[in-house]
Amino acid sequence: MPRIRFSSRELRLAFDGSSVEFPPAYSTKVEKYWAKINHEGRFFNGPVLSASSIPNENEDSAVHMQLTDYAHYLYAAQDDVNEFDCRAVFSAAVVLTCDNYILLGQMSSHTSAPSQIQCPGGGIELDSDGQLDAKLCCQREVIEELGPDFGEKLERYRPLCMKSGGDLSTVGIFYALRLDMTAEQAQYSFSHHRAALCAAGERPEFDCLHAVKFERRVVAEFVQTNREQVVDYLAPIFLSGWPDVFEATASP
């Protein structure tokens, strides 16, 4: 079960340029697995920032990161022994419409997590100046996955929580994002964005967008009904952490 730490303070990130180092035998395992799963060229072996340490509950320190790659991330995700865990750091948004619906995306079949239902977001990346900004990374991912309207209709955007542990040992930095658009408008905008991507020969990250009424009972029913598809952090954020997520998203 993932651990969730709610906080309204921005989480600091630190990267000293170092890379994760593996013994040759482990690197060989990663390379063989990558060749096996990527023989059709579905994936790109790009850089991944992995957490080497994260702050404890009452600490005000940073998430320290090292550089690895996507091949390591995918191998580590299926390695039951957890020989060299990859705690990939990502940012994601709990998106709430002005008529109180949570927006959740369902991953496309070409991704590494087909049919998974999750919050919009993606891996933390260095910007062109070599700086780290989780908030900007999150906003960029929301725009890329849902469409440009979702970057222009922001009413509120604040830190929400940090997720650690869980099925993939990833570290998630979450923001509460409230939109000045209804669920119907959001669905319409997303469908047009997705159609435009397909027309341009690109493959959208999300097949569809779920709009779930922002009521604890309704969210619980959605999680239970889709328990085989929902990502592991949804229940602890929206159900166990309901008072915190409600305050961060619904309060002025």
Foldseek 3Di string as FASTA:
>chain_A
DKDKAWDQDDAAEAEPAAADDDDPVVVVVLVVVCCVVCVVPLDDWAKFWFFPDPDDRPDRDHGYTHIDTPSVLVVCLPDPVNPPAGQTEKEFEQEAEPQAWTKWFAFPPSDPQHRAIGTFIDGWDQPPVRDTDRQVRHLVRCCQQQHPLLNVFWPDKTWTIWIADDSRRYIYTYIYTYGHHDPVVSQVSRVVSCVVCVVVVHHHGGPGMDIFHLDLVRQVVVCVVPVVRYGPCSCCCCPVVVVRSCCRHVPD
